Amino acid sequence: MTPREVFQKLSDGIGSGEWSSLHLLYAEDADVEIPFAPARLQGREEVRQHFAQHAGTVALEPRDLRVYVTDDPEVVVAEWKYAVGGRLLSNIQVLRVRDGLIVATRDYHDHRQLAEILRG
């Protein structure tokens, strides 16, 4: 899969609530940086645990998805909004995909706003 296709599969899986298999889109040694959390996930197993924490907790509907191809054939930048709790949350993700698997990402999500929505 191309980097664009991998991101689309990730987005579709989150939007449909299929959290249990999303970690399989990541390489065994993937590096996921979440600067606004702040957090860092190292490896597929930590990614699996992260997604498992969120399974069934919130419905995230991706909207206004744009994926930008870069000069580096392994890297795409995705920009979108999640519809959640009657609000829209802005997101940006920089993905590096090699051999059809995510090897590195920087995920810029507004975790504070999401936490506020979840608290009600």
C-alpha atoms as a PDB file:
ATOM      1  CA  MET A   1       0.000   0.000   0.000  1.00  0.00           C
ATOM      2  CA  THR A   2       1.084   3.555  -0.630  1.00  0.00           C
ATOM      3  CA  PRO A   3       1.445   5.968   2.299  1.00  0.00           C
ATOM      4  CA  ARG A   4      -1.832   7.626   1.246  1.00  0.00           C
ATOM      5  CA  GLU A   5      -3.616   4.250   1.199  1.00  0.00           C
ATOM      6  CA  VAL A   6      -2.207   3.308   4.600  1.00  0.00           C
ATOM      7  CA  PHE A   7      -3.433   6.561   6.112  1.00  0.00           C
ATOM      8  CA  GLN A   8      -6.863   6.074   4.523  1.00  0.00           C
ATOM      9  CA  LYS A   9      -7.081   2.571   6.005  1.00  0.00           C
ATOM     10  CA  LEU A  10      -6.098   3.944   9.429  1.00  0.00           C
ATOM     11  CA  SER A  11      -8.678   6.723   9.182  1.00  0.00           C
ATOM     12  CA  ASP A  12     -11.400   4.334   8.011  1.00  0.00           C
ATOM     13  CA  GLY A  13     -10.635   1.940  10.867  1.00  0.00           C
ATOM     14  CA  ILE A  14     -10.843   4.684  13.482  1.00  0.00           C
ATOM     15  CA  GLY A  15     -14.041   6.034  11.942  1.00  0.00           C
ATOM     16  CA  SER A  16     -15.683   2.606  11.962  1.00  0.00           C
ATOM     17  CA  GLY A  17     -14.464   1.771  15.483  1.00  0.00           C
ATOM     18  CA  GLU A  18     -12.296  -1.175  14.383  1.00  0.00           C
ATOM     19  CA  TRP A  19      -9.639  -0.434  16.998  1.00  0.00           C
ATOM     20  CA  SER A  20      -8.533  -4.036  17.529  1.00  0.00           C
ATOM     21  CA  SER A  21      -6.695  -4.413  14.211  1.00  0.00           C
ATOM     22  CA  LEU A  22      -5.299  -0.909  13.673  1.00  0.00           C
ATOM     23  CA  HIS A  23      -1.942  -1.766  15.252  1.00  0.00           C
ATOM     24  CA  LEU A  24      -1.314  -4.137  12.328  1.00  0.00           C
ATOM     25  CA  LEU A  25      -0.839  -1.075  10.103  1.00  0.00           C
ATOM     26  CA  TYR A  26       2.309  -0.271  12.108  1.00  0.00           C
ATOM     27  CA  ALA A  27       5.787  -1.781  11.815  1.00  0.00           C
ATOM     28  CA  GLU A  28       7.088  -3.830  14.756  1.00  0.00           C
ATOM     29  CA  ASP A  29       9.486  -1.001  15.646  1.00  0.00           C
ATOM     30  CA  ALA A  30       7.178   1.930  14.832  1.00  0.00           C
ATOM     31  CA  ASP A  31       7.789   5.247  16.577  1.00  0.00           C
ATOM     32  CA  VAL A  32       4.647   7.290  17.334  1.00  0.00           C
ATOM     33  CA  GLU A  33       5.165  10.763  18.726  1.00  0.00           C
ATOM     34  CA  ILE A  34       2.152  12.660  20.115  1.00  0.00           C
ATOM     35  CA  PRO A  35       3.599  16.078  21.006  1.00  0.00           C
ATOM     36  CA  PHE A  36       0.428  17.650  22.433  1.00  0.00           C
ATOM     37  CA  ALA A  37      -0.282  14.740  24.827  1.00  0.00           C
ATOM     38  CA  PRO A  38       2.789  14.557  25.301  1.00  0.00           C
ATOM     39  CA  ALA A  39       3.400  10.902  24.672  1.00  0.00           C
ATOM     40  CA  ARG A  40       5.545   8.534  22.672  1.00  0.00           C
ATOM     41  CA  LEU A  41       4.682   4.982  21.688  1.00  0.00           C
ATOM     42  CA  GLN A  42       7.525   2.652  20.807  1.00  0.00           C
ATOM     43  CA  GLY A  43       6.672  -0.411  18.770  1.00  0.00           C
ATOM     44  CA  ARG A  44       3.556  -2.146  17.518  1.00  0.00           C
ATOM     45  CA  GLU A  45       2.686  -3.582  20.933  1.00  0.00           C
ATOM     46  CA  GLU A  46       2.519  -0.148  22.574  1.00  0.00           C
ATOM     47  CA  VAL A  47       0.404   1.068  19.647  1.00  0.00           C
ATOM     48  CA  ARG A  48      -1.926  -1.917  20.157  1.00  0.00           C
ATOM     49  CA  GLN A  49      -2.269  -1.105  23.860  1.00  0.00           C
ATOM     50  CA  HIS A  50      -2.950   2.559  23.075  1.00  0.00           C
ATOM     51  CA  PHE A  51      -5.728   1.691  20.632  1.00  0.00           C
ATOM     52  CA  ALA A  52      -7.155  -0.901  23.046  1.00  0.00           C
ATOM     53  CA  GLN A  53      -7.550   1.845  25.682  1.00  0.00           C
ATOM     54  CA  HIS A  54      -9.783   3.806  23.326  1.00  0.00           C
ATOM     55  CA  ALA A  55     -11.858   0.955  21.934  1.00  0.00           C
ATOM     56  CA  GLY A  56     -15.527   1.683  22.541  1.00  0.00           C
ATOM     57  CA  THR A  57     -14.890   4.900  24.502  1.00  0.00           C
ATOM     58  CA  VAL A  58     -15.711   7.444  21.825  1.00  0.00           C
ATOM     59  CA  ALA A  59     -17.012   7.561  18.261  1.00  0.00           C
ATOM     60  CA  LEU A  60     -14.708   9.583  16.031  1.00  0.00           C
ATOM     61  CA  GLU A  61     -16.011  10.446  12.582  1.00  0.00           C
ATOM     62  CA  PRO A  62     -13.284  11.701  10.218  1.00  0.00           C
ATOM     63  CA  ARG A  63     -14.329  14.652   8.045  1.00  0.00           C
ATOM     64  CA  ASP A  64     -12.752  17.006   5.521  1.00  0.00           C
ATOM     65  CA  LEU A  65      -9.824  14.640   4.982  1.00  0.00           C
ATOM     66  CA  ARG A  66      -6.878  15.940   2.963  1.00  0.00           C
ATOM     67  CA  VAL A  67      -3.688  13.985   2.346  1.00  0.00           C
ATOM     68  CA  TYR A  68      -0.655  15.803   0.970  1.00  0.00           C
ATOM     69  CA  VAL A  69       2.113  13.955  -0.840  1.00  0.00           C
ATOM     70  CA  THR A  70       5.637  15.206  -0.106  1.00  0.00           C
ATOM     71  CA  ASP A  71       8.932  15.076  -1.970  1.00  0.00           C
ATOM     72  CA  ASP A  72       9.819  12.051   0.159  1.00  0.00           C
ATOM     73  CA  PRO A  73       7.925   9.046  -1.297  1.00  0.00           C
ATOM     74  CA  GLU A  74       7.576   7.514   2.189  1.00  0.00           C
ATOM     75  CA  VAL A  75       5.975  10.589   3.796  1.00  0.00           C
ATOM     76  CA  VAL A  76       2.466  12.050   3.651  1.00  0.00           C
ATOM     77  CA  VAL A  77       0.852  14.780   5.718  1.00  0.00           C
ATOM     78  CA  ALA A  78      -2.815  14.327   6.579  1.00  0.00           C
ATOM     79  CA  GLU A  79      -5.168  17.036   7.758  1.00  0.00           C
ATOM     80  CA  TRP A  80      -8.740  16.372   8.903  1.00  0.00           C
ATOM     81  CA  LYS A  81     -11.369  16.941  11.545  1.00  0.00           C
ATOM     82  CA  TYR A  82     -13.060  14.461  13.863  1.00  0.00           C
ATOM     83  CA  ALA A  83     -16.740  14.970  14.525  1.00  0.00           C
ATOM     84  CA  VAL A  84     -17.225  14.009  18.168  1.00  0.00           C
ATOM     85  CA  GLY A  85     -19.764  15.070  20.758  1.00  0.00           C
ATOM     86  CA  GLY A  86     -21.291  17.625  18.414  1.00  0.00           C
ATOM     87  CA  ARG A  87     -17.938  19.364  17.949  1.00  0.00           C
ATOM     88  CA  LEU A  88     -15.158  19.269  15.391  1.00  0.00           C
ATOM     89  CA  LEU A  89     -11.579  18.559  16.466  1.00  0.00           C
ATOM     90  CA  SER A  90      -8.738  19.510  14.128  1.00  0.00           C
ATOM     91  CA  ASN A  91      -5.904  17.043  13.498  1.00  0.00           C
ATOM     92  CA  ILE A  92      -2.672  16.835  11.571  1.00  0.00           C
ATOM     93  CA  GLN A  93      -0.548  13.718  11.213  1.00  0.00           C
ATOM     94  CA  VAL A  94       2.814  13.250   9.516  1.00  0.00           C
ATOM     95  CA  LEU A  95       3.297   9.610   8.515  1.00  0.00           C
ATOM     96  CA  ARG A  96       6.321   7.727   7.262  1.00  0.00           C
ATOM     97  CA  VAL A  97       5.313   4.469   5.581  1.00  0.00           C
ATOM     98  CA  ARG A  98       7.782   1.846   4.422  1.00  0.00           C
ATOM     99  CA  ASP A  99       6.843  -1.434   2.755  1.00  0.00           C
ATOM    100  CA  GLY A 100       3.164  -0.751   3.447  1.00  0.00           C
ATOM    101  CA  LEU A 101       3.580  -0.238   7.216  1.00  0.00           C
ATOM    102  CA  ILE A 102       3.729   2.907   9.338  1.00  0.00           C
ATOM    103  CA  VAL A 103       7.269   3.239  10.686  1.00  0.00           C
ATOM    104  CA  ALA A 104       6.923   6.703  12.240  1.00  0.00           C
ATOM    105  CA  THR A 105       4.256   9.321  12.891  1.00  0.00           C
ATOM    106  CA  ARG A 106       3.879  12.654  14.578  1.00  0.00           C
ATOM    107  CA  ASP A 107       0.244  13.041  15.600  1.00  0.00           C
ATOM    108  CA  TYR A 108      -1.062  16.516  16.392  1.00  0.00           C
ATOM    109  CA  HIS A 109      -4.490  16.078  18.027  1.00  0.00           C
ATOM    110  CA  ASP A 110      -6.153  18.344  20.579  1.00  0.00           C
ATOM    111  CA  HIS A 111      -6.198  15.811  23.426  1.00  0.00           C
ATOM    112  CA  ARG A 112      -7.249  18.412  25.988  1.00  0.00           C
ATOM    113  CA  GLN A 113     -10.371  19.275  24.007  1.00  0.00           C
ATOM    114  CA  LEU A 114     -11.146  15.590  23.461  1.00  0.00           C
ATOM    115  CA  ALA A 115     -10.829  14.949  27.209  1.00  0.00           C
ATOM    116  CA  GLU A 116     -13.261  17.812  27.871  1.00  0.00           C
ATOM    117  CA  ILE A 117     -15.774  16.294  25.466  1.00  0.00           C
ATOM    118  CA  LEU A 118     -15.444  12.868  27.084  1.00  0.00           C
ATOM    119  CA  ARG A 119     -15.956  14.334  30.560  1.00  0.00           C
ATOM    120  CA  GLY A 120     -19.197  15.931  29.311  1.00  0.00           C
END
